[in-house]
Amino acid sequence: MIEQIEGRDAGDVMLYGLSTCMWCKKMKKLLDEMEVKYTYALLDLMEEEEKNHYLEEMKVWNPRGSFPTLVIDDKTKIIGYDEDRVKEALE
């Protein structure tokens, strides 16, 4: 599943996560509270081919393949839940 969330423009923000990941849910909630526009991909809810595509895309930024992975403007990456780094990058 991939979805675009509307909000204020803070750059190209992409969140890779899992529907069952507590930290992914917290990251999504933080982005919602910050009211930023972002795209998120829940890899465990995707068909195999789509999941493999997004997993390979994510591994460019996070070779370990851990969740959540947040990428901002194809240059800033935040791996794991780090509220302070997210706020610093997006406010």
PDB file of N, CA and C in Angstrom:
ATOM      1  N   MET A   1       0.842  -1.175   0.000  1.00  0.00           N
ATOM      2  CA  MET A   1       0.000   0.000   0.000  1.00  0.00           C
ATOM      3  C   MET A   1       0.888   1.240   0.000  1.00  0.00           C
ATOM      4  N   ILE A   2       0.574   2.158  -0.901  1.00  0.00           N
ATOM      5  CA  ILE A   2       1.279   3.435  -0.939  1.00  0.00           C
ATOM      6  C   ILE A   2       0.217   4.529  -0.954  1.00  0.00           C
ATOM      7  N   GLU A   3       0.465   5.568  -0.175  1.00  0.00           N
ATOM      8  CA  GLU A   3      -0.526   6.628  -0.053  1.00  0.00           C
ATOM      9  C   GLU A   3       0.159   7.978   0.077  1.00  0.00           C
ATOM     10  N   GLN A   4      -0.465   8.983  -0.514  1.00  0.00           N
ATOM     11  CA  GLN A   4       0.009  10.372  -0.422  1.00  0.00           C
ATOM     12  C   GLN A   4      -0.845  11.086   0.615  1.00  0.00           C
ATOM     13  N   ILE A   5      -0.207  11.716   1.599  1.00  0.00           N
ATOM     14  CA  ILE A   5      -0.895  12.496   2.628  1.00  0.00           C
ATOM     15  C   ILE A   5      -0.671  13.979   2.326  1.00  0.00           C
ATOM     16  N   GLU A   6      -1.739  14.720   2.264  1.00  0.00           N
ATOM     17  CA  GLU A   6      -1.641  16.148   1.957  1.00  0.00           C
ATOM     18  C   GLU A   6      -1.259  16.946   3.209  1.00  0.00           C
ATOM     19  N   GLY A   7      -0.613  18.075   2.987  1.00  0.00           N
ATOM     20  CA  GLY A   7      -0.201  18.962   4.060  1.00  0.00           C
ATOM     21  C   GLY A   7       0.700  20.042   3.502  1.00  0.00           C
ATOM     22  N   ARG A   8       1.392  20.722   4.386  1.00  0.00           N
ATOM     23  CA  ARG A   8       2.287  21.786   3.927  1.00  0.00           C
ATOM     24  C   ARG A   8       3.507  21.169   3.249  1.00  0.00           C
ATOM     25  N   ASP A   9       4.042  21.878   2.283  1.00  0.00           N
ATOM     26  CA  ASP A   9       5.176  21.380   1.518  1.00  0.00           C
ATOM     27  C   ASP A   9       6.452  21.527   2.341  1.00  0.00           C
ATOM     28  N   ALA A  10       7.065  20.409   2.665  1.00  0.00           N
ATOM     29  CA  ALA A  10       8.333  20.405   3.394  1.00  0.00           C
ATOM     30  C   ALA A  10       9.394  19.675   2.574  1.00  0.00           C
ATOM     31  N   GLY A  11       9.174  19.619   1.254  1.00  0.00           N
ATOM     32  CA  GLY A  11      10.067  18.881   0.377  1.00  0.00           C
ATOM     33  C   GLY A  11       9.450  17.553   0.002  1.00  0.00           C
ATOM     34  N   ASP A  12      10.232  16.728  -0.647  1.00  0.00           N
ATOM     35  CA  ASP A  12       9.792  15.395  -1.052  1.00  0.00           C
ATOM     36  C   ASP A  12      10.049  14.444   0.124  1.00  0.00           C
ATOM     37  N   VAL A  13       8.996  14.086   0.841  1.00  0.00           N
ATOM     38  CA  VAL A  13       9.121  13.281   2.058  1.00  0.00           C
ATOM     39  C   VAL A  13       8.524  11.899   1.792  1.00  0.00           C
ATOM     40  N   MET A  14       9.336  10.856   1.999  1.00  0.00           N
ATOM     41  CA  MET A  14       8.919   9.478   1.760  1.00  0.00           C
ATOM     42  C   MET A  14       9.184   8.648   3.007  1.00  0.00           C
ATOM     43  N   LEU A  15       8.145   7.967   3.486  1.00  0.00           N
ATOM     44  CA  LEU A  15       8.256   7.095   4.658  1.00  0.00           C
ATOM     45  C   LEU A  15       8.049   5.651   4.223  1.00  0.00           C
ATOM     46  N   TYR A  16       9.029   4.811   4.511  1.00  0.00           N
ATOM     47  CA  TYR A  16       8.930   3.377   4.261  1.00  0.00           C
ATOM     48  C   TYR A  16       8.662   2.708   5.602  1.00  0.00           C
ATOM     49  N   GLY A  17       7.629   1.878   5.660  1.00  0.00           N
ATOM     50  CA  GLY A  17       7.296   1.256   6.929  1.00  0.00           C
ATOM     51  C   GLY A  17       6.532  -0.049   6.770  1.00  0.00           C
ATOM     52  N   LEU A  18       6.104  -0.552   7.906  1.00  0.00           N
ATOM     53  CA  LEU A  18       5.294  -1.766   7.990  1.00  0.00           C
ATOM     54  C   LEU A  18       4.041  -1.452   8.798  1.00  0.00           C
ATOM     55  N   SER A  19       2.936  -2.060   8.454  1.00  0.00           N
ATOM     56  CA  SER A  19       1.686  -1.800   9.170  1.00  0.00           C
ATOM     57  C   SER A  19       1.726  -2.311  10.605  1.00  0.00           C
ATOM     58  N   THR A  20       2.603  -3.248  10.887  1.00  0.00           N
ATOM     59  CA  THR A  20       2.686  -3.861  12.211  1.00  0.00           C
ATOM     60  C   THR A  20       3.766  -3.259  13.103  1.00  0.00           C
ATOM     61  N   CYS A  21       4.483  -2.260  12.589  1.00  0.00           N
ATOM     62  CA  CYS A  21       5.632  -1.671  13.297  1.00  0.00           C
ATOM     63  C   CYS A  21       5.182  -0.503  14.167  1.00  0.00           C
ATOM     64  N   MET A  22       5.379  -0.617  15.467  1.00  0.00           N
ATOM     65  CA  MET A  22       5.008   0.435  16.410  1.00  0.00           C
ATOM     66  C   MET A  22       5.735   1.748  16.096  1.00  0.00           C
ATOM     67  N   TRP A  23       7.019   1.680  15.753  1.00  0.00           N
ATOM     68  CA  TRP A  23       7.811   2.884  15.479  1.00  0.00           C
ATOM     69  C   TRP A  23       7.391   3.529  14.168  1.00  0.00           C
ATOM     70  N   CYS A  24       6.951   2.720  13.210  1.00  0.00           N
ATOM     71  CA  CYS A  24       6.438   3.259  11.951  1.00  0.00           C
ATOM     72  C   CYS A  24       5.149   4.034  12.207  1.00  0.00           C
ATOM     73  N   LYS A  25       4.292   3.499  13.048  1.00  0.00           N
ATOM     74  CA  LYS A  25       3.044   4.176  13.402  1.00  0.00           C
ATOM     75  C   LYS A  25       3.328   5.498  14.111  1.00  0.00           C
ATOM     76  N   LYS A  26       4.325   5.500  14.993  1.00  0.00           N
ATOM     77  CA  LYS A  26       4.695   6.734  15.694  1.00  0.00           C
ATOM     78  C   LYS A  26       5.253   7.769  14.716  1.00  0.00           C
ATOM     79  N   MET A  27       6.038   7.318  13.750  1.00  0.00           N
ATOM     80  CA  MET A  27       6.606   8.225  12.753  1.00  0.00           C
ATOM     81  C   MET A  27       5.484   8.833  11.903  1.00  0.00           C
ATOM     82  N   LYS A  28       4.538   8.023  11.476  1.00  0.00           N
ATOM     83  CA  LYS A  28       3.405   8.506  10.694  1.00  0.00           C
ATOM     84  C   LYS A  28       2.584   9.514  11.512  1.00  0.00           C
ATOM     85  N   LYS A  29       2.363   9.212  12.774  1.00  0.00           N
ATOM     86  CA  LYS A  29       1.615  10.120  13.648  1.00  0.00           C
ATOM     87  C   LYS A  29       2.351  11.451  13.801  1.00  0.00           C
ATOM     88  N   LEU A  30       3.669  11.407  13.960  1.00  0.00           N
ATOM     89  CA  LEU A  30       4.470  12.627  14.072  1.00  0.00           C
ATOM     90  C   LEU A  30       4.346  13.467  12.804  1.00  0.00           C
ATOM     91  N   LEU A  31       4.459  12.832  11.644  1.00  0.00           N
ATOM     92  CA  LEU A  31       4.331  13.567  10.387  1.00  0.00           C
ATOM     93  C   LEU A  31       2.936  14.173  10.256  1.00  0.00           C
ATOM     94  N   ASP A  32       1.918  13.423  10.667  1.00  0.00           N
ATOM     95  CA  ASP A  32       0.548  13.946  10.640  1.00  0.00           C
ATOM     96  C   ASP A  32       0.413  15.162  11.559  1.00  0.00           C
ATOM     97  N   GLU A  33       0.974  15.076  12.754  1.00  0.00           N
ATOM     98  CA  GLU A  33       0.909  16.190  13.707  1.00  0.00           C
ATOM     99  C   GLU A  33       1.644  17.419  13.187  1.00  0.00           C
ATOM    100  N   MET A  34       2.713  17.192  12.425  1.00  0.00           N
ATOM    101  CA  MET A  34       3.483  18.299  11.850  1.00  0.00           C
ATOM    102  C   MET A  34       2.795  18.867  10.609  1.00  0.00           C
ATOM    103  N   GLU A  35       1.768  18.178  10.158  1.00  0.00           N
ATOM    104  CA  GLU A  35       0.955  18.599   9.014  1.00  0.00           C
ATOM    105  C   GLU A  35       1.773  18.798   7.746  1.00  0.00           C
ATOM    106  N   VAL A  36       2.718  17.880   7.499  1.00  0.00           N
ATOM    107  CA  VAL A  36       3.515  17.951   6.278  1.00  0.00           C
ATOM    108  C   VAL A  36       2.944  16.998   5.232  1.00  0.00           C
ATOM    109  N   LYS A  37       3.197  17.333   3.993  1.00  0.00           N
ATOM    110  CA  LYS A  37       2.831  16.470   2.879  1.00  0.00           C
ATOM    111  C   LYS A  37       3.881  15.370   2.786  1.00  0.00           C
ATOM    112  N   TYR A  38       3.429  14.125   2.694  1.00  0.00           N
ATOM    113  CA  TYR A  38       4.378  13.023   2.569  1.00  0.00           C
ATOM    114  C   TYR A  38       3.729  11.825   1.883  1.00  0.00           C
ATOM    115  N   THR A  39       4.566  10.935   1.432  1.00  0.00           N
ATOM    116  CA  THR A  39       4.131   9.681   0.847  1.00  0.00           C
ATOM    117  C   THR A  39       4.613   8.575   1.764  1.00  0.00           C
ATOM    118  N   TYR A  40       3.768   7.567   1.959  1.00  0.00           N
ATOM    119  CA  TYR A  40       4.248   6.438   2.746  1.00  0.00           C
ATOM    120  C   TYR A  40       3.900   5.127   2.072  1.00  0.00           C
ATOM    121  N   ALA A  41       4.807   4.195   2.241  1.00  0.00           N
ATOM    122  CA  ALA A  41       4.679   2.869   1.656  1.00  0.00           C
ATOM    123  C   ALA A  41       4.723   1.853   2.783  1.00  0.00           C
ATOM    124  N   LEU A  42       3.648   1.085   2.920  1.00  0.00           N
ATOM    125  CA  LEU A  42       3.601   0.002   3.898  1.00  0.00           C
ATOM    126  C   LEU A  42       3.912  -1.293   3.144  1.00  0.00           C
ATOM    127  N   LEU A  43       5.153  -1.706   3.230  1.00  0.00           N
ATOM    128  CA  LEU A  43       5.633  -2.789   2.398  1.00  0.00           C
ATOM    129  C   LEU A  43       4.950  -4.127   2.667  1.00  0.00           C
ATOM    130  N   ASP A  44       4.550  -4.379   3.904  1.00  0.00           N
ATOM    131  CA  ASP A  44       3.944  -5.671   4.215  1.00  0.00           C
ATOM    132  C   ASP A  44       2.520  -5.805   3.662  1.00  0.00           C
ATOM    133  N   LEU A  45       1.935  -4.709   3.172  1.00  0.00           N
ATOM    134  CA  LEU A  45       0.588  -4.749   2.605  1.00  0.00           C
ATOM    135  C   LEU A  45       0.608  -4.750   1.075  1.00  0.00           C
ATOM    136  N   MET A  46       1.797  -4.874   0.497  1.00  0.00           N
ATOM    137  CA  MET A  46       1.952  -4.838  -0.960  1.00  0.00           C
ATOM    138  C   MET A  46       2.059  -6.243  -1.533  1.00  0.00           C
ATOM    139  N   GLU A  47       1.701  -6.341  -2.810  1.00  0.00           N
ATOM    140  CA  GLU A  47       1.952  -7.572  -3.551  1.00  0.00           C
ATOM    141  C   GLU A  47       3.465  -7.731  -3.705  1.00  0.00           C
ATOM    142  N   GLU A  48       3.915  -8.938  -3.913  1.00  0.00           N
ATOM    143  CA  GLU A  48       5.343  -9.260  -3.916  1.00  0.00           C
ATOM    144  C   GLU A  48       6.175  -8.381  -4.853  1.00  0.00           C
ATOM    145  N   GLU A  49       5.730  -8.185  -6.080  1.00  0.00           N
ATOM    146  CA  GLU A  49       6.507  -7.411  -7.049  1.00  0.00           C
ATOM    147  C   GLU A  49       6.646  -5.948  -6.617  1.00  0.00           C
ATOM    148  N   GLU A  50       5.543  -5.357  -6.165  1.00  0.00           N
ATOM    149  CA  GLU A  50       5.574  -3.967  -5.703  1.00  0.00           C
ATOM    150  C   GLU A  50       6.431  -3.841  -4.444  1.00  0.00           C
ATOM    151  N   LYS A  51       6.282  -4.797  -3.529  1.00  0.00           N
ATOM    152  CA  LYS A  51       7.075  -4.788  -2.295  1.00  0.00           C
ATOM    153  C   LYS A  51       8.561  -4.838  -2.611  1.00  0.00           C
ATOM    154  N   ASN A  52       8.962  -5.708  -3.525  1.00  0.00           N
ATOM    155  CA  ASN A  52      10.374  -5.827  -3.894  1.00  0.00           C
ATOM    156  C   ASN A  52      10.900  -4.528  -4.488  1.00  0.00           C
ATOM    157  N   HIS A  53      10.074  -3.853  -5.298  1.00  0.00           N
ATOM    158  CA  HIS A  53      10.467  -2.568  -5.890  1.00  0.00           C
ATOM    159  C   HIS A  53      10.769  -1.545  -4.791  1.00  0.00           C
ATOM    160  N   TYR A  54       9.846  -1.386  -3.843  1.00  0.00           N
ATOM    161  CA  TYR A  54      10.026  -0.380  -2.796  1.00  0.00           C
ATOM    162  C   TYR A  54      11.123  -0.780  -1.813  1.00  0.00           C
ATOM    163  N   LEU A  55      11.307  -2.055  -1.585  1.00  0.00           N
ATOM    164  CA  LEU A  55      12.383  -2.508  -0.705  1.00  0.00           C
ATOM    165  C   LEU A  55      13.742  -2.172  -1.317  1.00  0.00           C
ATOM    166  N   GLU A  56      13.891  -2.398  -2.613  1.00  0.00           N
ATOM    167  CA  GLU A  56      15.145  -2.055  -3.288  1.00  0.00           C
ATOM    168  C   GLU A  56      15.360  -0.539  -3.286  1.00  0.00           C
ATOM    169  N   GLU A  57      14.291   0.214  -3.492  1.00  0.00           N
ATOM    170  CA  GLU A  57      14.373   1.679  -3.450  1.00  0.00           C
ATOM    171  C   GLU A  57      14.821   2.144  -2.063  1.00  0.00           C
ATOM    172  N   MET A  58      14.235   1.555  -1.029  1.00  0.00           N
ATOM    173  CA  MET A  58      14.568   1.928   0.342  1.00  0.00           C
ATOM    174  C   MET A  58      16.014   1.566   0.685  1.00  0.00           C
ATOM    175  N   LYS A  59      16.481   0.441   0.190  1.00  0.00           N
ATOM    176  CA  LYS A  59      17.826  -0.028   0.526  1.00  0.00           C
ATOM    177  C   LYS A  59      18.929   0.872  -0.027  1.00  0.00           C
ATOM    178  N   VAL A  60      18.592   1.740  -0.979  1.00  0.00           N
ATOM    179  CA  VAL A  60      19.560   2.748  -1.433  1.00  0.00           C
ATOM    180  C   VAL A  60      19.921   3.649  -0.251  1.00  0.00           C
ATOM    181  N   TRP A  61      18.926   3.947   0.589  1.00  0.00           N
ATOM    182  CA  TRP A  61      19.109   4.828   1.742  1.00  0.00           C
ATOM    183  C   TRP A  61      19.446   4.060   3.014  1.00  0.00           C
ATOM    184  N   ASN A  62      18.941   2.851   3.119  1.00  0.00           N
ATOM    185  CA  ASN A  62      19.108   2.066   4.340  1.00  0.00           C
ATOM    186  C   ASN A  62      19.412   0.611   3.958  1.00  0.00           C
ATOM    187  N   PRO A  63      20.681   0.296   3.707  1.00  0.00           N
ATOM    188  CA  PRO A  63      21.050  -1.049   3.257  1.00  0.00           C
ATOM    189  C   PRO A  63      20.619  -2.169   4.210  1.00  0.00           C
ATOM    190  N   ARG A  64      20.436  -1.862   5.488  1.00  0.00           N
ATOM    191  CA  ARG A  64      19.980  -2.887   6.443  1.00  0.00           C
ATOM    192  C   ARG A  64      18.530  -3.269   6.217  1.00  0.00           C
ATOM    193  N   GLY A  65      17.773  -2.362   5.612  1.00  0.00           N
ATOM    194  CA  GLY A  65      16.368  -2.635   5.335  1.00  0.00           C
ATOM    195  C   GLY A  65      15.484  -2.575   6.567  1.00  0.00           C
ATOM    196  N   SER A  66      15.853  -1.757   7.550  1.00  0.00           N
ATOM    197  CA  SER A  66      15.067  -1.663   8.785  1.00  0.00           C
ATOM    198  C   SER A  66      14.017  -0.562   8.669  1.00  0.00           C
ATOM    199  N   PHE A  67      13.039  -0.630   9.548  1.00  0.00           N
ATOM    200  CA  PHE A  67      11.897   0.292   9.515  1.00  0.00           C
ATOM    201  C   PHE A  67      11.757   1.027  10.835  1.00  0.00           C
ATOM    202  N   PRO A  68      11.241   2.241  10.808  1.00  0.00           N
ATOM    203  CA  PRO A  68      10.916   3.047   9.638  1.00  0.00           C
ATOM    204  C   PRO A  68      12.164   3.666   9.022  1.00  0.00           C
ATOM    205  N   THR A  69      12.047   3.974   7.743  1.00  0.00           N
ATOM    206  CA  THR A  69      13.070   4.739   7.036  1.00  0.00           C
ATOM    207  C   THR A  69      12.379   5.946   6.429  1.00  0.00           C
ATOM    208  N   LEU A  70      12.864   7.131   6.753  1.00  0.00           N
ATOM    209  CA  LEU A  70      12.305   8.376   6.246  1.00  0.00           C
ATOM    210  C   LEU A  70      13.355   9.044   5.363  1.00  0.00           C
ATOM    211  N   VAL A  71      12.963   9.405   4.144  1.00  0.00           N
ATOM    212  CA  VAL A  71      13.875  10.065   3.207  1.00  0.00           C
ATOM    213  C   VAL A  71      13.264  11.410   2.831  1.00  0.00           C
ATOM    214  N   ILE A  72      14.063  12.458   2.919  1.00  0.00           N
ATOM    215  CA  ILE A  72      13.607  13.813   2.627  1.00  0.00           C
ATOM    216  C   ILE A  72      14.457  14.382   1.494  1.00  0.00           C
ATOM    217  N   ASP A  73      13.796  14.746   0.409  1.00  0.00           N
ATOM    218  CA  ASP A  73      14.455  15.357  -0.760  1.00  0.00           C
ATOM    219  C   ASP A  73      15.602  14.500  -1.303  1.00  0.00           C
ATOM    220  N   ASP A  74      15.480  13.202  -1.228  1.00  0.00           N
ATOM    221  CA  ASP A  74      16.505  12.291  -1.754  1.00  0.00           C
ATOM    222  C   ASP A  74      17.902  12.585  -1.237  1.00  0.00           C
ATOM    223  N   LYS A  75      17.990  13.191  -0.028  1.00  0.00           N
ATOM    224  CA  LYS A  75      19.320  13.455   0.524  1.00  0.00           C
ATOM    225  C   LYS A  75      19.392  13.225   2.025  1.00  0.00           C
ATOM    226  N   THR A  76      18.336  13.537   2.752  1.00  0.00           N
ATOM    227  CA  THR A  76      18.338  13.340   4.199  1.00  0.00           C
ATOM    228  C   THR A  76      17.637  12.031   4.513  1.00  0.00           C
ATOM    229  N   LYS A  77      18.279  11.200   5.306  1.00  0.00           N
ATOM    230  CA  LYS A  77      17.640   9.952   5.711  1.00  0.00           C
ATOM    231  C   LYS A  77      17.617   9.881   7.230  1.00  0.00           C
ATOM    232  N   ILE A  78      16.511   9.390   7.730  1.00  0.00           N
ATOM    233  CA  ILE A  78      16.368   9.162   9.166  1.00  0.00           C
ATOM    234  C   ILE A  78      15.903   7.727   9.315  1.00  0.00           C
ATOM    235  N   ILE A  79      16.749   6.933   9.948  1.00  0.00           N
ATOM    236  CA  ILE A  79      16.455   5.512  10.122  1.00  0.00           C
ATOM    237  C   ILE A  79      16.042   5.296  11.562  1.00  0.00           C
ATOM    238  N   GLY A  80      14.885   4.669  11.745  1.00  0.00           N
ATOM    239  CA  GLY A  80      14.343   4.497  13.081  1.00  0.00           C
ATOM    240  C   GLY A  80      13.554   5.733  13.476  1.00  0.00           C
ATOM    241  N   TYR A  81      12.949   5.695  14.635  1.00  0.00           N
ATOM    242  CA  TYR A  81      12.135   6.818  15.103  1.00  0.00           C
ATOM    243  C   TYR A  81      13.031   7.774  15.885  1.00  0.00           C
ATOM    244  N   ASP A  82      13.198   8.980  15.351  1.00  0.00           N
ATOM    245  CA  ASP A  82      14.017  10.000  15.995  1.00  0.00           C
ATOM    246  C   ASP A  82      13.274  11.325  15.864  1.00  0.00           C
ATOM    247  N   GLU A  83      12.413  11.611  16.833  1.00  0.00           N
ATOM    248  CA  GLU A  83      11.542  12.777  16.776  1.00  0.00           C
ATOM    249  C   GLU A  83      12.320  14.079  16.600  1.00  0.00           C
ATOM    250  N   ASP A  84      13.410  14.246  17.310  1.00  0.00           N
ATOM    251  CA  ASP A  84      14.188  15.475  17.231  1.00  0.00           C
ATOM    252  C   ASP A  84      14.759  15.692  15.828  1.00  0.00           C
ATOM    253  N   ARG A  85      15.306  14.649  15.228  1.00  0.00           N
ATOM    254  CA  ARG A  85      15.876  14.772  13.871  1.00  0.00           C
ATOM    255  C   ARG A  85      14.794  15.069  12.843  1.00  0.00           C
ATOM    256  N   VAL A  86      13.627  14.447  13.003  1.00  0.00           N
ATOM    257  CA  VAL A  86      12.524  14.699  12.073  1.00  0.00           C
ATOM    258  C   VAL A  86      12.083  16.144  12.166  1.00  0.00           C
ATOM    259  N   LYS A  87      11.895  16.630  13.387  1.00  0.00           N
ATOM    260  CA  LYS A  87      11.473  18.020  13.575  1.00  0.00           C
ATOM    261  C   LYS A  87      12.510  18.993  13.024  1.00  0.00           C
ATOM    262  N   GLU A  88      13.763  18.712  13.281  1.00  0.00           N
ATOM    263  CA  GLU A  88      14.839  19.580  12.781  1.00  0.00           C
ATOM    264  C   GLU A  88      14.839  19.608  11.255  1.00  0.00           C
ATOM    265  N   ALA A  89      14.611  18.477  10.633  1.00  0.00           N
ATOM    266  CA  ALA A  89      14.659  18.382   9.175  1.00  0.00           C
ATOM    267  C   ALA A  89      13.441  18.990   8.495  1.00  0.00           C
ATOM    268  N   LEU A  90      12.293  18.980   9.170  1.00  0.00           N
ATOM    269  CA  LEU A  90      11.045  19.373   8.515  1.00  0.00           C
ATOM    270  C   LEU A  90      10.419  20.676   9.013  1.00  0.00           C
ATOM    271  N   GLU A  91      10.936  21.279  10.069  1.00  0.00           N
ATOM    272  CA  GLU A  91      10.322  22.528  10.554  1.00  0.00           C
ATOM    273  C   GLU A  91      11.014  23.739   9.988  1.00  0.00           C
TER     274      GLU A  91
END
